[in-house]
Amino acid sequence: MKRHTLKLTAMLAVLAMLPVGWALAAMPIAFMVNGTVTSVAGNQVVIDGKAYKVQTQGPALHDLEAIHPGEKVQVFLNGPPGAAGSQVVAINVQKAR
């Protein structure tokens, strides 16, 4: 029992030293899709021929106004890409290098 407690304490000490960014990056907060914008209409964006609804409450709808067909984007969803209720919660335009 004492050895188990010692291992647990050591693990927690190591985790406490990690930067917060690493801890958040390891958590599956959202699902991500990368691709080229095919079209934008209303609260929907089509990426590589697949349509995704954009949440009407939040920053993604505002970001949607700034993207155009042909741009490479990364979108974050609040559920699996194929699920009926999944919506885009954030949009990242990938800058050309």
PDB file of N, CA and C in Angstrom:
ATOM      1  N   MET A   1       0.832  -1.190   0.000  1.00  0.00           N
ATOM      2  CA  MET A   1       0.000   0.000   0.000  1.00  0.00           C
ATOM      3  C   MET A   1       0.876   1.254   0.000  1.00  0.00           C
ATOM      4  N   LYS A   2       1.935   1.254   0.812  1.00  0.00           N
ATOM      5  CA  LYS A   2       2.802   2.414   0.919  1.00  0.00           C
ATOM      6  C   LYS A   2       3.520   2.668  -0.412  1.00  0.00           C
ATOM      7  N   ARG A   3       3.933   1.596  -1.090  1.00  0.00           N
ATOM      8  CA  ARG A   3       4.623   1.714  -2.373  1.00  0.00           C
ATOM      9  C   ARG A   3       3.692   2.324  -3.418  1.00  0.00           C
ATOM     10  N   HIS A   4       2.420   1.942  -3.404  1.00  0.00           N
ATOM     11  CA  HIS A   4       1.422   2.483  -4.330  1.00  0.00           C
ATOM     12  C   HIS A   4       1.247   3.982  -4.107  1.00  0.00           C
ATOM     13  N   THR A   5       1.197   4.391  -2.854  1.00  0.00           N
ATOM     14  CA  THR A   5       1.045   5.804  -2.511  1.00  0.00           C
ATOM     15  C   THR A   5       2.266   6.593  -2.966  1.00  0.00           C
ATOM     16  N   LEU A   6       3.449   6.017  -2.817  1.00  0.00           N
ATOM     17  CA  LEU A   6       4.679   6.675  -3.239  1.00  0.00           C
ATOM     18  C   LEU A   6       4.693   6.880  -4.756  1.00  0.00           C
ATOM     19  N   LYS A   7       4.273   5.872  -5.516  1.00  0.00           N
ATOM     20  CA  LYS A   7       4.223   5.983  -6.977  1.00  0.00           C
ATOM     21  C   LYS A   7       3.225   7.062  -7.400  1.00  0.00           C
ATOM     22  N   LEU A   8       2.079   7.083  -6.753  1.00  0.00           N
ATOM     23  CA  LEU A   8       1.052   8.071  -7.064  1.00  0.00           C
ATOM     24  C   LEU A   8       1.550   9.483  -6.771  1.00  0.00           C
ATOM     25  N   THR A   9       2.219   9.654  -5.663  1.00  0.00           N
ATOM     26  CA  THR A   9       2.768  10.959  -5.294  1.00  0.00           C
ATOM     27  C   THR A   9       3.822  11.409  -6.301  1.00  0.00           C
ATOM     28  N   ALA A  10       4.663  10.498  -6.736  1.00  0.00           N
ATOM     29  CA  ALA A  10       5.698  10.832  -7.719  1.00  0.00           C
ATOM     30  C   ALA A  10       5.066  11.235  -9.053  1.00  0.00           C
ATOM     31  N   MET A  11       4.034  10.518  -9.474  1.00  0.00           N
ATOM     32  CA  MET A  11       3.346  10.859 -10.722  1.00  0.00           C
ATOM     33  C   MET A  11       2.707  12.233 -10.634  1.00  0.00           C
ATOM     34  N   LEU A  12       2.056  12.526  -9.536  1.00  0.00           N
ATOM     35  CA  LEU A  12       1.426  13.830  -9.365  1.00  0.00           C
ATOM     36  C   LEU A  12       2.459  14.947  -9.349  1.00  0.00           C
ATOM     37  N   ALA A  13       3.622  14.699  -8.759  1.00  0.00           N
ATOM     38  CA  ALA A  13       4.686  15.708  -8.734  1.00  0.00           C
ATOM     39  C   ALA A  13       5.182  16.000 -10.150  1.00  0.00           C
ATOM     40  N   VAL A  14       5.344  14.973 -10.958  1.00  0.00           N
ATOM     41  CA  VAL A  14       5.782  15.154 -12.343  1.00  0.00           C
ATOM     42  C   VAL A  14       4.717  15.906 -13.135  1.00  0.00           C
ATOM     43  N   LEU A  15       3.458  15.542 -12.972  1.00  0.00           N
ATOM     44  CA  LEU A  15       2.378  16.229 -13.677  1.00  0.00           C
ATOM     45  C   LEU A  15       2.267  17.686 -13.267  1.00  0.00           C
ATOM     46  N   ALA A  16       2.543  17.985 -12.021  1.00  0.00           N
ATOM     47  CA  ALA A  16       2.465  19.363 -11.541  1.00  0.00           C
ATOM     48  C   ALA A  16       3.535  20.240 -12.180  1.00  0.00           C
ATOM     49  N   MET A  17       4.638  19.636 -12.619  1.00  0.00           N
ATOM     50  CA  MET A  17       5.724  20.397 -13.243  1.00  0.00           C
ATOM     51  C   MET A  17       5.458  20.702 -14.717  1.00  0.00           C
ATOM     52  N   LEU A  18       4.518  20.008 -15.342  1.00  0.00           N
ATOM     53  CA  LEU A  18       4.233  20.230 -16.756  1.00  0.00           C
ATOM     54  C   LEU A  18       3.550  21.579 -16.958  1.00  0.00           C
ATOM     55  N   PRO A  19       3.868  22.245 -18.051  1.00  0.00           N
ATOM     56  CA  PRO A  19       3.167  23.495 -18.341  1.00  0.00           C
ATOM     57  C   PRO A  19       1.676  23.230 -18.566  1.00  0.00           C
ATOM     58  N   VAL A  20       0.859  24.216 -18.285  1.00  0.00           N
ATOM     59  CA  VAL A  20      -0.590  24.064 -18.426  1.00  0.00           C
ATOM     60  C   VAL A  20      -0.961  23.728 -19.864  1.00  0.00           C
ATOM     61  N   GLY A  21      -0.260  24.305 -20.841  1.00  0.00           N
ATOM     62  CA  GLY A  21      -0.543  24.044 -22.255  1.00  0.00           C
ATOM     63  C   GLY A  21      -0.486  22.567 -22.595  1.00  0.00           C
ATOM     64  N   TRP A  22       0.506  21.876 -22.071  1.00  0.00           N
ATOM     65  CA  TRP A  22       0.619  20.438 -22.340  1.00  0.00           C
ATOM     66  C   TRP A  22      -0.557  19.683 -21.753  1.00  0.00           C
ATOM     67  N   ALA A  23      -0.973  20.078 -20.573  1.00  0.00           N
ATOM     68  CA  ALA A  23      -2.093  19.396 -19.924  1.00  0.00           C
ATOM     69  C   ALA A  23      -3.366  19.591 -20.734  1.00  0.00           C
ATOM     70  N   LEU A  24      -3.591  20.800 -21.224  1.00  0.00           N
ATOM     71  CA  LEU A  24      -4.787  21.059 -22.019  1.00  0.00           C
ATOM     72  C   LEU A  24      -4.710  20.390 -23.383  1.00  0.00           C
ATOM     73  N   ALA A  25      -3.520  20.341 -23.965  1.00  0.00           N
ATOM     74  CA  ALA A  25      -3.362  19.721 -25.275  1.00  0.00           C
ATOM     75  C   ALA A  25      -3.663  18.225 -25.224  1.00  0.00           C
ATOM     76  N   ALA A  26      -3.443  17.610 -24.092  1.00  0.00           N
ATOM     77  CA  ALA A  26      -3.676  16.179 -23.960  1.00  0.00           C
ATOM     78  C   ALA A  26      -5.158  15.845 -23.782  1.00  0.00           C
ATOM     79  N   MET A  27      -5.962  16.855 -23.481  1.00  0.00           N
ATOM     80  CA  MET A  27      -7.384  16.619 -23.253  1.00  0.00           C
ATOM     81  C   MET A  27      -8.147  16.712 -24.572  1.00  0.00           C
ATOM     82  N   PRO A  28      -9.006  15.740 -24.860  1.00  0.00           N
ATOM     83  CA  PRO A  28      -9.791  15.807 -26.097  1.00  0.00           C
ATOM     84  C   PRO A  28     -10.942  16.802 -25.965  1.00  0.00           C
ATOM     85  N   ILE A  29     -10.639  18.094 -26.113  1.00  0.00           N
ATOM     86  CA  ILE A  29     -11.648  19.130 -25.939  1.00  0.00           C
ATOM     87  C   ILE A  29     -12.575  19.188 -27.148  1.00  0.00           C
ATOM     88  N   ALA A  30     -11.999  19.092 -28.330  1.00  0.00           N
ATOM     89  CA  ALA A  30     -12.797  19.219 -29.542  1.00  0.00           C
ATOM     90  C   ALA A  30     -12.226  18.320 -30.627  1.00  0.00           C
ATOM     91  N   PHE A  31     -13.021  18.086 -31.635  1.00  0.00           N
ATOM     92  CA  PHE A  31     -12.590  17.322 -32.783  1.00  0.00           C
ATOM     93  C   PHE A  31     -12.140  18.326 -33.843  1.00  0.00           C
ATOM     94  N   MET A  32     -11.161  17.955 -34.669  1.00  0.00           N
ATOM     95  CA  MET A  32     -10.578  18.884 -35.615  1.00  0.00           C
ATOM     96  C   MET A  32     -10.668  18.339 -37.038  1.00  0.00           C
ATOM     97  N   VAL A  33     -10.895  19.255 -37.996  1.00  0.00           N
ATOM     98  CA  VAL A  33     -10.923  18.912 -39.419  1.00  0.00           C
ATOM     99  C   VAL A  33     -10.057  19.935 -40.144  1.00  0.00           C
ATOM    100  N   ASN A  34      -9.168  19.464 -41.020  1.00  0.00           N
ATOM    101  CA  ASN A  34      -8.329  20.325 -41.851  1.00  0.00           C
ATOM    102  C   ASN A  34      -8.763  20.170 -43.294  1.00  0.00           C
ATOM    103  N   GLY A  35      -8.671  21.253 -44.076  1.00  0.00           N
ATOM    104  CA  GLY A  35      -8.976  21.134 -45.488  1.00  0.00           C
ATOM    105  C   GLY A  35      -9.119  22.475 -46.165  1.00  0.00           C
ATOM    106  N   THR A  36      -9.583  22.418 -47.416  1.00  0.00           N
ATOM    107  CA  THR A  36      -9.769  23.614 -48.228  1.00  0.00           C
ATOM    108  C   THR A  36     -11.249  23.960 -48.278  1.00  0.00           C
ATOM    109  N   VAL A  37     -11.561  25.243 -48.069  1.00  0.00           N
ATOM    110  CA  VAL A  37     -12.949  25.702 -48.100  1.00  0.00           C
ATOM    111  C   VAL A  37     -13.461  25.605 -49.534  1.00  0.00           C
ATOM    112  N   THR A  38     -14.578  24.889 -49.694  1.00  0.00           N
ATOM    113  CA  THR A  38     -15.226  24.764 -50.986  1.00  0.00           C
ATOM    114  C   THR A  38     -16.250  25.878 -51.160  1.00  0.00           C
ATOM    115  N   SER A  39     -17.057  26.128 -50.105  1.00  0.00           N
ATOM    116  CA  SER A  39     -18.038  27.214 -50.153  1.00  0.00           C
ATOM    117  C   SER A  39     -18.453  27.605 -48.743  1.00  0.00           C
ATOM    118  N   VAL A  40     -19.061  28.791 -48.653  1.00  0.00           N
ATOM    119  CA  VAL A  40     -19.577  29.310 -47.392  1.00  0.00           C
ATOM    120  C   VAL A  40     -20.967  29.846 -47.669  1.00  0.00           C
ATOM    121  N   ALA A  41     -21.951  29.426 -46.880  1.00  0.00           N
ATOM    122  CA  ALA A  41     -23.326  29.906 -47.064  1.00  0.00           C
ATOM    123  C   ALA A  41     -24.047  29.886 -45.719  1.00  0.00           C
ATOM    124  N   GLY A  42     -24.580  31.049 -45.323  1.00  0.00           N
ATOM    125  CA  GLY A  42     -25.313  31.127 -44.056  1.00  0.00           C
ATOM    126  C   GLY A  42     -24.435  30.741 -42.895  1.00  0.00           C
ATOM    127  N   ASN A  43     -24.886  29.761 -42.120  1.00  0.00           N
ATOM    128  CA  ASN A  43     -24.070  29.283 -40.999  1.00  0.00           C
ATOM    129  C   ASN A  43     -23.494  27.900 -41.309  1.00  0.00           C
ATOM    130  N   GLN A  44     -23.072  27.729 -42.551  1.00  0.00           N
ATOM    131  CA  GLN A  44     -22.517  26.450 -42.983  1.00  0.00           C
ATOM    132  C   GLN A  44     -21.247  26.688 -43.792  1.00  0.00           C
ATOM    133  N   VAL A  45     -20.249  25.863 -43.565  1.00  0.00           N
ATOM    134  CA  VAL A  45     -19.015  25.907 -44.336  1.00  0.00           C
ATOM    135  C   VAL A  45     -18.809  24.520 -44.946  1.00  0.00           C
ATOM    136  N   VAL A  46     -18.408  24.498 -46.203  1.00  0.00           N
ATOM    137  CA  VAL A  46     -18.126  23.237 -46.883  1.00  0.00           C
ATOM    138  C   VAL A  46     -16.615  23.137 -47.038  1.00  0.00           C
ATOM    139  N   ILE A  47     -16.054  22.073 -46.477  1.00  0.00           N
ATOM    140  CA  ILE A  47     -14.609  21.847 -46.515  1.00  0.00           C
ATOM    141  C   ILE A  47     -14.354  20.540 -47.250  1.00  0.00           C
ATOM    142  N   ASP A  48     -13.611  20.646 -48.341  1.00  0.00           N
ATOM    143  CA  ASP A  48     -13.303  19.477 -49.180  1.00  0.00           C
ATOM    144  C   ASP A  48     -14.574  18.708 -49.542  1.00  0.00           C
ATOM    145  N   GLY A  49     -15.651  19.445 -49.833  1.00  0.00           N
ATOM    146  CA  GLY A  49     -16.901  18.831 -50.276  1.00  0.00           C
ATOM    147  C   GLY A  49     -17.816  18.342 -49.170  1.00  0.00           C
ATOM    148  N   LYS A  50     -17.413  18.477 -47.913  1.00  0.00           N
ATOM    149  CA  LYS A  50     -18.243  18.024 -46.796  1.00  0.00           C
ATOM    150  C   LYS A  50     -18.739  19.233 -46.008  1.00  0.00           C
ATOM    151  N   ALA A  51     -20.058  19.303 -45.782  1.00  0.00           N
ATOM    152  CA  ALA A  51     -20.678  20.452 -45.117  1.00  0.00           C
ATOM    153  C   ALA A  51     -20.639  20.304 -43.597  1.00  0.00           C
ATOM    154  N   TYR A  52     -20.356  21.427 -42.926  1.00  0.00           N
ATOM    155  CA  TYR A  52     -20.332  21.487 -41.463  1.00  0.00           C
ATOM    156  C   TYR A  52     -21.148  22.695 -41.017  1.00  0.00           C
ATOM    157  N   LYS A  53     -22.052  22.495 -40.069  1.00  0.00           N
ATOM    158  CA  LYS A  53     -22.832  23.606 -39.506  1.00  0.00           C
ATOM    159  C   LYS A  53     -21.959  24.352 -38.503  1.00  0.00           C
ATOM    160  N   VAL A  54     -22.121  25.665 -38.479  1.00  0.00           N
ATOM    161  CA  VAL A  54     -21.364  26.510 -37.569  1.00  0.00           C
ATOM    162  C   VAL A  54     -22.287  26.952 -36.441  1.00  0.00           C
ATOM    163  N   GLN A  55     -21.794  26.877 -35.206  1.00  0.00           N
ATOM    164  CA  GLN A  55     -22.574  27.302 -34.042  1.00  0.00           C
ATOM    165  C   GLN A  55     -22.979  28.766 -34.201  1.00  0.00           C
ATOM    166  N   THR A  56     -24.240  29.054 -33.943  1.00  0.00           N
ATOM    167  CA  THR A  56     -24.714  30.427 -34.092  1.00  0.00           C
ATOM    168  C   THR A  56     -24.360  31.292 -32.889  1.00  0.00           C
ATOM    169  N   GLN A  57     -24.040  30.689 -31.777  1.00  0.00           N
ATOM    170  CA  GLN A  57     -23.608  31.411 -30.584  1.00  0.00           C
ATOM    171  C   GLN A  57     -22.117  31.165 -30.407  1.00  0.00           C
ATOM    172  N   GLY A  58     -21.302  32.193 -30.567  1.00  0.00           N
ATOM    173  CA  GLY A  58     -19.868  32.023 -30.366  1.00  0.00           C
ATOM    174  C   GLY A  58     -19.041  32.642 -31.476  1.00  0.00           C
ATOM    175  N   PRO A  59     -17.728  32.541 -31.340  1.00  0.00           N
ATOM    176  CA  PRO A  59     -16.818  33.206 -32.270  1.00  0.00           C
ATOM    177  C   PRO A  59     -16.753  32.590 -33.663  1.00  0.00           C
ATOM    178  N   ALA A  60     -17.134  31.341 -33.815  1.00  0.00           N
ATOM    179  CA  ALA A  60     -17.003  30.680 -35.110  1.00  0.00           C
ATOM    180  C   ALA A  60     -17.853  31.348 -36.189  1.00  0.00           C
ATOM    181  N   LEU A  61     -19.051  31.817 -35.835  1.00  0.00           N
ATOM    182  CA  LEU A  61     -19.909  32.472 -36.818  1.00  0.00           C
ATOM    183  C   LEU A  61     -19.279  33.778 -37.299  1.00  0.00           C
ATOM    184  N   HIS A  62     -18.649  34.493 -36.393  1.00  0.00           N
ATOM    185  CA  HIS A  62     -17.942  35.728 -36.766  1.00  0.00           C
ATOM    186  C   HIS A  62     -16.762  35.397 -37.683  1.00  0.00           C
ATOM    187  N   ASP A  63     -16.007  34.344 -37.354  1.00  0.00           N
ATOM    188  CA  ASP A  63     -14.864  33.925 -38.171  1.00  0.00           C
ATOM    189  C   ASP A  63     -15.310  33.488 -39.561  1.00  0.00           C
ATOM    190  N   LEU A  64     -16.500  32.934 -39.657  1.00  0.00           N
ATOM    191  CA  LEU A  64     -17.023  32.430 -40.925  1.00  0.00           C
ATOM    192  C   LEU A  64     -17.136  33.545 -41.965  1.00  0.00           C
ATOM    193  N   GLU A  65     -17.431  34.767 -41.505  1.00  0.00           N
ATOM    194  CA  GLU A  65     -17.577  35.904 -42.412  1.00  0.00           C
ATOM    195  C   GLU A  65     -16.262  36.267 -43.102  1.00  0.00           C
ATOM    196  N   ALA A  66     -15.137  35.887 -42.521  1.00  0.00           N
ATOM    197  CA  ALA A  66     -13.831  36.274 -43.038  1.00  0.00           C
ATOM    198  C   ALA A  66     -13.163  35.221 -43.925  1.00  0.00           C
ATOM    199  N   ILE A  67     -13.763  34.044 -44.056  1.00  0.00           N
ATOM    200  CA  ILE A  67     -13.119  33.009 -44.881  1.00  0.00           C
ATOM    201  C   ILE A  67     -13.752  32.944 -46.260  1.00  0.00           C
ATOM    202  N   HIS A  68     -12.958  32.483 -47.225  1.00  0.00           N
ATOM    203  CA  HIS A  68     -13.389  32.443 -48.616  1.00  0.00           C
ATOM    204  C   HIS A  68     -13.022  31.101 -49.240  1.00  0.00           C
ATOM    205  N   PRO A  69     -13.756  30.687 -50.267  1.00  0.00           N
ATOM    206  CA  PRO A  69     -13.420  29.447 -50.966  1.00  0.00           C
ATOM    207  C   PRO A  69     -11.959  29.456 -51.441  1.00  0.00           C
ATOM    208  N   GLY A  70     -11.321  28.323 -51.282  1.00  0.00           N
ATOM    209  CA  GLY A  70      -9.927  28.176 -51.680  1.00  0.00           C
ATOM    210  C   GLY A  70      -8.944  28.305 -50.529  1.00  0.00           C
ATOM    211  N   GLU A  71      -9.389  28.862 -49.402  1.00  0.00           N
ATOM    212  CA  GLU A  71      -8.500  29.005 -48.252  1.00  0.00           C
ATOM    213  C   GLU A  71      -8.364  27.679 -47.513  1.00  0.00           C
ATOM    214  N   LYS A  72      -7.180  27.452 -46.987  1.00  0.00           N
ATOM    215  CA  LYS A  72      -6.935  26.270 -46.155  1.00  0.00           C
ATOM    216  C   LYS A  72      -7.323  26.638 -44.726  1.00  0.00           C
ATOM    217  N   VAL A  73      -8.154  25.793 -44.105  1.00  0.00           N
ATOM    218  CA  VAL A  73      -8.621  26.067 -42.750  1.00  0.00           C
ATOM    219  C   VAL A  73      -8.487  24.844 -41.861  1.00  0.00           C
ATOM    220  N   GLN A  74      -8.589  25.120 -40.588  1.00  0.00           N
ATOM    221  CA  GLN A  74      -8.635  24.099 -39.545  1.00  0.00           C
ATOM    222  C   GLN A  74      -9.855  24.474 -38.717  1.00  0.00           C
ATOM    223  N   VAL A  75     -10.815  23.563 -38.620  1.00  0.00           N
ATOM    224  CA  VAL A  75     -12.009  23.847 -37.828  1.00  0.00           C
ATOM    225  C   VAL A  75     -12.089  22.876 -36.654  1.00  0.00           C
ATOM    226  N   PHE A  76     -12.631  23.379 -35.564  1.00  0.00           N
ATOM    227  CA  PHE A  76     -12.803  22.568 -34.361  1.00  0.00           C
ATOM    228  C   PHE A  76     -14.293  22.351 -34.149  1.00  0.00           C
ATOM    229  N   LEU A  77     -14.660  21.100 -33.899  1.00  0.00           N
ATOM    230  CA  LEU A  77     -16.062  20.713 -33.734  1.00  0.00           C
ATOM    231  C   LEU A  77     -16.326  20.320 -32.283  1.00  0.00           C
ATOM    232  N   ASN A  78     -17.588  20.432 -31.882  1.00  0.00           N
ATOM    233  CA  ASN A  78     -17.957  20.038 -30.517  1.00  0.00           C
ATOM    234  C   ASN A  78     -18.372  18.565 -30.437  1.00  0.00           C
ATOM    235  N   GLY A  79     -18.172  17.827 -31.498  1.00  0.00           N
ATOM    236  CA  GLY A  79     -18.474  16.402 -31.540  1.00  0.00           C
ATOM    237  C   GLY A  79     -17.789  15.774 -32.737  1.00  0.00           C
ATOM    238  N   PRO A  80     -17.940  14.476 -32.923  1.00  0.00           N
ATOM    239  CA  PRO A  80     -17.307  13.806 -34.060  1.00  0.00           C
ATOM    240  C   PRO A  80     -17.778  14.392 -35.388  1.00  0.00           C
ATOM    241  N   PRO A  81     -16.886  14.479 -36.382  1.00  0.00           N
ATOM    242  CA  PRO A  81     -17.249  15.077 -37.668  1.00  0.00           C
ATOM    243  C   PRO A  81     -18.480  14.465 -38.328  1.00  0.00           C
ATOM    244  N   GLY A  82     -18.719  13.200 -38.175  1.00  0.00           N
ATOM    245  CA  GLY A  82     -19.855  12.557 -38.823  1.00  0.00           C
ATOM    246  C   GLY A  82     -21.157  12.599 -38.044  1.00  0.00           C
ATOM    247  N   ALA A  83     -21.107  13.044 -36.797  1.00  0.00           N
ATOM    248  CA  ALA A  83     -22.300  13.042 -35.943  1.00  0.00           C
ATOM    249  C   ALA A  83     -23.279  14.135 -36.366  1.00  0.00           C
ATOM    250  N   ALA A  84     -24.569  13.844 -36.248  1.00  0.00           N
ATOM    251  CA  ALA A  84     -25.617  14.763 -36.694  1.00  0.00           C
ATOM    252  C   ALA A  84     -25.601  16.103 -35.951  1.00  0.00           C
ATOM    253  N   GLY A  85     -25.327  16.116 -34.667  1.00  0.00           N
ATOM    254  CA  GLY A  85     -25.387  17.345 -33.893  1.00  0.00           C
ATOM    255  C   GLY A  85     -24.081  18.116 -33.801  1.00  0.00           C
ATOM    256  N   SER A  86     -23.026  17.627 -34.429  1.00  0.00           N
ATOM    257  CA  SER A  86     -21.733  18.303 -34.342  1.00  0.00           C
ATOM    258  C   SER A  86     -21.772  19.650 -35.048  1.00  0.00           C
ATOM    259  N   GLN A  87     -21.155  20.641 -34.405  1.00  0.00           N
ATOM    260  CA  GLN A  87     -21.091  21.987 -34.982  1.00  0.00           C
ATOM    261  C   GLN A  87     -19.687  22.541 -34.860  1.00  0.00           C
ATOM    262  N   VAL A  88     -19.336  23.434 -35.772  1.00  0.00           N
ATOM    263  CA  VAL A  88     -18.044  24.114 -35.734  1.00  0.00           C
ATOM    264  C   VAL A  88     -18.085  25.139 -34.612  1.00  0.00           C
ATOM    265  N   VAL A  89     -17.081  25.087 -33.731  1.00  0.00           N
ATOM    266  CA  VAL A  89     -17.006  26.032 -32.620  1.00  0.00           C
ATOM    267  C   VAL A  89     -15.862  27.023 -32.777  1.00  0.00           C
ATOM    268  N   ALA A  90     -14.903  26.720 -33.663  1.00  0.00           N
ATOM    269  CA  ALA A  90     -13.778  27.627 -33.916  1.00  0.00           C
ATOM    270  C   ALA A  90     -13.225  27.360 -35.307  1.00  0.00           C
ATOM    271  N   ILE A  91     -12.745  28.433 -35.938  1.00  0.00           N
ATOM    272  CA  ILE A  91     -12.165  28.331 -37.281  1.00  0.00           C
ATOM    273  C   ILE A  91     -10.810  29.016 -37.270  1.00  0.00           C
ATOM    274  N   ASN A  92      -9.812  28.314 -37.805  1.00  0.00           N
ATOM    275  CA  ASN A  92      -8.455  28.815 -37.907  1.00  0.00           C
ATOM    276  C   ASN A  92      -8.066  28.838 -39.381  1.00  0.00           C
ATOM    277  N   VAL A  93      -7.730  30.006 -39.941  1.00  0.00           N
ATOM    278  CA  VAL A  93      -7.257  30.060 -41.323  1.00  0.00           C
ATOM    279  C   VAL A  93      -5.769  29.785 -41.299  1.00  0.00           C
ATOM    280  N   GLN A  94      -5.322  28.829 -42.128  1.00  0.00           N
ATOM    281  CA  GLN A  94      -3.909  28.476 -42.180  1.00  0.00           C
ATOM    282  C   GLN A  94      -3.216  29.372 -43.190  1.00  0.00           C
ATOM    283  N   LYS A  95      -2.269  30.135 -42.714  1.00  0.00           N
ATOM    284  CA  LYS A  95      -1.529  31.071 -43.562  1.00  0.00           C
ATOM    285  C   LYS A  95      -0.570  30.315 -44.469  1.00  0.00           C
ATOM    286  N   ALA A  96      -0.435  30.786 -45.711  1.00  0.00           N
ATOM    287  CA  ALA A  96       0.528  30.196 -46.651  1.00  0.00           C
ATOM    288  C   ALA A  96       1.932  30.548 -46.203  1.00  0.00           C
ATOM    289  N   ARG A  97       2.858  29.619 -46.389  1.00  0.00           N
ATOM    290  CA  ARG A  97       4.249  29.860 -45.977  1.00  0.00           C
ATOM    291  C   ARG A  97       5.066  30.308 -47.142  1.00  0.00           C
TER     292      ARG A  97
END
